[in-house]
Structures are given as structure tokens and as C-alpha cells.
C-alpha atoms as a PDB file:
ATOM      1  CA  UNK A   1     113.034  98.989 113.961  1.00  0.00           C
ATOM      2  CA  UNK A   2     110.818 101.975 114.760  1.00  0.00           C
ATOM      3  CA  UNK A   3     110.832 104.530 117.481  1.00  0.00           C
ATOM      4  CA  UNK A   4     108.248 107.071 118.729  1.00  0.00           C
ATOM      5  CA  UNK A   5     107.946 109.476 121.655  1.00  0.00           C
ATOM      6  CA  UNK A   6     104.770 110.169 123.474  1.00  0.00           C
ATOM      7  CA  UNK A   7     105.815 113.709 124.594  1.00  0.00           C
ATOM      8  CA  UNK A   8     107.393 114.890 121.325  1.00  0.00           C
ATOM      9  CA  UNK A   9     105.283 117.547 119.565  1.00  0.00           C
ATOM     10  CA  UNK A  10     102.485 116.978 122.102  1.00  0.00           C
ATOM     11  CA  UNK A  11      99.659 119.463 121.580  1.00  0.00           C
ATOM     12  CA  UNK A  12      96.282 119.528 123.199  1.00  0.00           C
ATOM     13  CA  UNK A  13      93.286 120.803 121.228  1.00  0.00           C
ATOM     14  CA  UNK A  14      90.925 123.124 122.997  1.00  0.00           C
ATOM     15  CA  UNK A  15      87.792 121.816 121.203  1.00  0.00           C
ATOM     16  CA  UNK A  16      88.301 118.033 120.929  1.00  0.00           C
ATOM     17  CA  UNK A  17      90.790 115.276 121.826  1.00  0.00           C
ATOM     18  CA  UNK A  18      93.941 115.336 119.706  1.00  0.00           C
ATOM     19  CA  UNK A  19      94.659 112.026 117.947  1.00  0.00           C
ATOM     20  CA  UNK A  20      98.073 111.310 116.488  1.00  0.00           C
ATOM     21  CA  UNK A  21      99.342 108.135 114.842  1.00  0.00           C
ATOM     22  CA  UNK A  22     102.731 107.695 116.394  1.00  0.00           C
ATOM     23  CA  UNK A  23     103.937 104.368 115.113  1.00  0.00           C
ATOM     24  CA  UNK A  24     102.816 101.719 112.692  1.00  0.00           C
ATOM     25  CA  UNK A  25     104.294  98.173 112.817  1.00  0.00           C
ATOM     26  CA  UNK A  26     103.663  94.987 110.954  1.00  0.00           C
ATOM     27  CA  UNK A  27     101.025  94.090 113.472  1.00  0.00           C
ATOM     28  CA  UNK A  28      99.756  97.212 115.301  1.00  0.00           C
ATOM     29  CA  UNK A  29      99.114 100.908 115.116  1.00  0.00           C
ATOM     30  CA  UNK A  30     100.130 102.983 118.162  1.00  0.00           C
ATOM     31  CA  UNK A  31      98.095 106.067 118.703  1.00  0.00           C
ATOM     32  CA  UNK A  32      98.445 108.999 121.099  1.00  0.00           C
ATOM     33  CA  UNK A  33      95.223 110.590 122.303  1.00  0.00           C
ATOM     34  CA  UNK A  34      95.668 113.893 124.214  1.00  0.00           C
ATOM     35  CA  UNK A  35      92.637 114.961 126.155  1.00  0.00           C
ATOM     36  CA  UNK A  36      92.287 118.236 128.097  1.00  0.00           C
ATOM     37  CA  UNK A  37      90.497 118.129 131.397  1.00  0.00           C
ATOM     38  CA  UNK A  38      86.688 117.480 130.918  1.00  0.00           C
ATOM     39  CA  UNK A  39      87.027 116.454 127.264  1.00  0.00           C
ATOM     40  CA  UNK A  40      85.152 113.255 126.270  1.00  0.00           C
ATOM     41  CA  UNK A  41      85.085 110.608 123.718  1.00  0.00           C
ATOM     42  CA  UNK A  42      81.412 109.623 123.412  1.00  0.00           C
ATOM     43  CA  UNK A  43      80.376 105.970 123.510  1.00  0.00           C
ATOM     44  CA  UNK A  44      81.845 104.026 120.564  1.00  0.00           C
ATOM     45  CA  UNK A  45      83.234 100.592 119.830  1.00  0.00           C
ATOM     46  CA  UNK A  46      86.191  99.287 117.955  1.00  0.00           C
ATOM     47  CA  UNK A  47      85.771  96.463 115.342  1.00  0.00           C
ATOM     48  CA  UNK A  48      88.795  94.639 116.736  1.00  0.00           C
ATOM     49  CA  UNK A  49      90.441  94.135 120.128  1.00  0.00           C
ATOM     50  CA  UNK A  50      92.217  97.226 121.567  1.00  0.00           C
ATOM     51  CA  UNK A  51      94.608  98.176 124.408  1.00  0.00           C
ATOM     52  CA  UNK A  52      94.227 101.433 126.203  1.00  0.00           C
ATOM     53  CA  UNK A  53      97.064 102.647 128.533  1.00  0.00           C
ATOM     54  CA  UNK A  54      97.119 105.899 130.497  1.00  0.00           C
ATOM     55  CA  UNK A  55     100.491 107.553 129.984  1.00  0.00           C
ATOM     56  CA  UNK A  56      99.620 110.715 132.019  1.00  0.00           C
ATOM     57  CA  UNK A  57      96.557 111.916 133.834  1.00  0.00           C
ATOM     58  CA  UNK A  58      93.304 110.408 135.068  1.00  0.00           C
ATOM     59  CA  UNK A  59      90.156 109.314 133.117  1.00  0.00           C
ATOM     60  CA  UNK A  60      86.806 107.792 133.678  1.00  0.00           C
ATOM     61  CA  UNK A  61      86.534 104.785 131.375  1.00  0.00           C
ATOM     62  CA  UNK A  62      82.915 103.735 130.903  1.00  0.00           C
ATOM     63  CA  UNK A  63      82.339 100.137 129.936  1.00  0.00           C
ATOM     64  CA  UNK A  64      79.712  97.437 130.775  1.00  0.00           C
ATOM     65  CA  UNK A  65      77.562  99.938 132.692  1.00  0.00           C
ATOM     66  CA  UNK A  66      80.509 100.737 134.990  1.00  0.00           C
ATOM     67  CA  UNK A  67      82.925 103.620 135.330  1.00  0.00           C
ATOM     68  CA  UNK A  68      86.440 102.593 135.835  1.00  0.00           C
ATOM     69  CA  UNK A  69      88.877 105.213 137.288  1.00  0.00           C
ATOM     70  CA  UNK A  70      92.054 104.805 135.342  1.00  0.00           C
ATOM     71  CA  UNK A  71      95.257 106.799 136.082  1.00  0.00           C
ATOM     72  CA  UNK A  72      98.835 107.043 134.993  1.00  0.00           C
ATOM     73  CA  UNK A  73     100.117 103.484 134.430  1.00  0.00           C
ATOM     74  CA  UNK A  74      96.663 101.955 134.122  1.00  0.00           C
ATOM     75  CA  UNK A  75      95.928  99.669 131.280  1.00  0.00           C
ATOM     76  CA  UNK A  76      92.777  97.952 129.973  1.00  0.00           C
ATOM     77  CA  UNK A  77      92.038  95.629 127.084  1.00  0.00           C
ATOM     78  CA  UNK A  78      88.714  95.238 125.316  1.00  0.00           C
ATOM     79  CA  UNK A  79      87.557  92.829 122.717  1.00  0.00           C
ATOM     80  CA  UNK A  80      86.069  94.159 119.447  1.00  0.00           C
ATOM     81  CA  UNK A  81      82.506  95.379 119.550  1.00  0.00           C
ATOM     82  CA  UNK A  82      82.475  96.429 123.247  1.00  0.00           C
ATOM     83  CA  UNK A  83      80.887  99.855 123.767  1.00  0.00           C
ATOM     84  CA  UNK A  84      82.970 102.279 125.866  1.00  0.00           C
ATOM     85  CA  UNK A  85      83.513 106.004 126.500  1.00  0.00           C
ATOM     86  CA  UNK A  86      86.165 108.205 128.048  1.00  0.00           C
ATOM     87  CA  UNK A  87      86.178 111.386 130.097  1.00  0.00           C
ATOM     88  CA  UNK A  88      89.399 113.183 131.152  1.00  0.00           C
ATOM     89  CA  UNK A  89      89.430 114.102 134.839  1.00  0.00           C
ATOM     90  CA  UNK A  90      92.602 116.034 134.229  1.00  0.00           C
ATOM     91  CA  UNK A  91      94.814 116.628 131.209  1.00  0.00           C
ATOM     92  CA  UNK A  92      95.581 113.098 130.001  1.00  0.00           C
ATOM     93  CA  UNK A  93      97.703 111.247 127.443  1.00  0.00           C
ATOM     94  CA  UNK A  94      96.480 107.907 126.315  1.00  0.00           C
ATOM     95  CA  UNK A  95      98.194 105.181 124.302  1.00  0.00           C
ATOM     96  CA  UNK A  96      95.777 103.264 122.128  1.00  0.00           C
ATOM     97  CA  UNK A  97      96.960 100.137 120.397  1.00  0.00           C
ATOM     98  CA  UNK A  98      94.967  99.022 117.455  1.00  0.00           C
ATOM     99  CA  UNK A  99      95.194  95.966 115.239  1.00  0.00           C
ATOM    100  CA  UNK A 100      97.103  96.652 112.011  1.00  0.00           C
ATOM    101  CA  UNK A 101      94.013  96.408 109.848  1.00  0.00           C
ATOM    102  CA  UNK A 102      92.080  98.908 111.923  1.00  0.00           C
ATOM    103  CA  UNK A 103      92.135 102.499 110.811  1.00  0.00           C
ATOM    104  CA  UNK A 104      93.478 105.496 112.778  1.00  0.00           C
ATOM    105  CA  UNK A 105      90.956 107.652 110.928  1.00  0.00           C
ATOM    106  CA  UNK A 106      88.181 105.843 112.682  1.00  0.00           C
ATOM    107  CA  UNK A 107      89.463 107.158 116.050  1.00  0.00           C
ATOM    108  CA  UNK A 108      89.607 110.683 114.596  1.00  0.00           C
ATOM    109  CA  UNK A 109      85.875 110.394 113.680  1.00  0.00           C
ATOM    110  CA  UNK A 110      85.028 109.385 117.298  1.00  0.00           C
ATOM    111  CA  UNK A 111      86.532 112.648 118.579  1.00  0.00           C
ATOM    112  CA  UNK A 112      84.459 114.795 116.225  1.00  0.00           C
ATOM    113  CA  UNK A 113      81.057 113.210 116.890  1.00  0.00           C
END
């Protein structure tokens, strides 16, 4: 059994989204991404399927030449290889679920590009 808390030790970074690996299980990695208003994650793609859930805030989620408005409670799944981008419309907390073999460090690289 594992536990994690989305609001514990939550810190926003002024210069880029803050990425924290909260939990690793036998089949997933659960990551918290904290974005300040107007911060972005440029277009990127994951090598495996992902789940993105908005815990707090509102974002524009760009995918398939569309902008989806996602807010607290919203959830979206993507297959691997699908280009997407994010822009925080207000301070936001995102839960990202990765496949176990995916790397959390890959997400960190996206925020620094």
C-alpha cells in the first residue's frame, strides 16, 4: 500500500511548471504538475498512453488541432505518440498518470524546453 497527497509540500515555480513524482506503483507513476497562471508546457508527446486530470485550476489543453478547456475535475486520456500542449489559465495542479516503464524525468525535460 502507498499513499500520497496532492497538496502536501506543494510549491509553484516562478519560471517553469513544477514536476513532482508523488507515487510509484507496480504499474504506474503518479506525477503532480503545478503550473502558475500563464505557464505552458510546449507541444510534446508521450511514448505510452497517459491520463491527465485537473485537480485544481483551469487549463487550455491543445490536441488534434483543438483547444480543450479543462477545469477542476476534468480528465483526458491520450494514446502514446499524440502531440499535445498545455497552458494554465489560472494556477493549476495536474495529476499525470504514466505507465510504469515511462520516465518522470522525461516530463521534467518538457518543462525546461
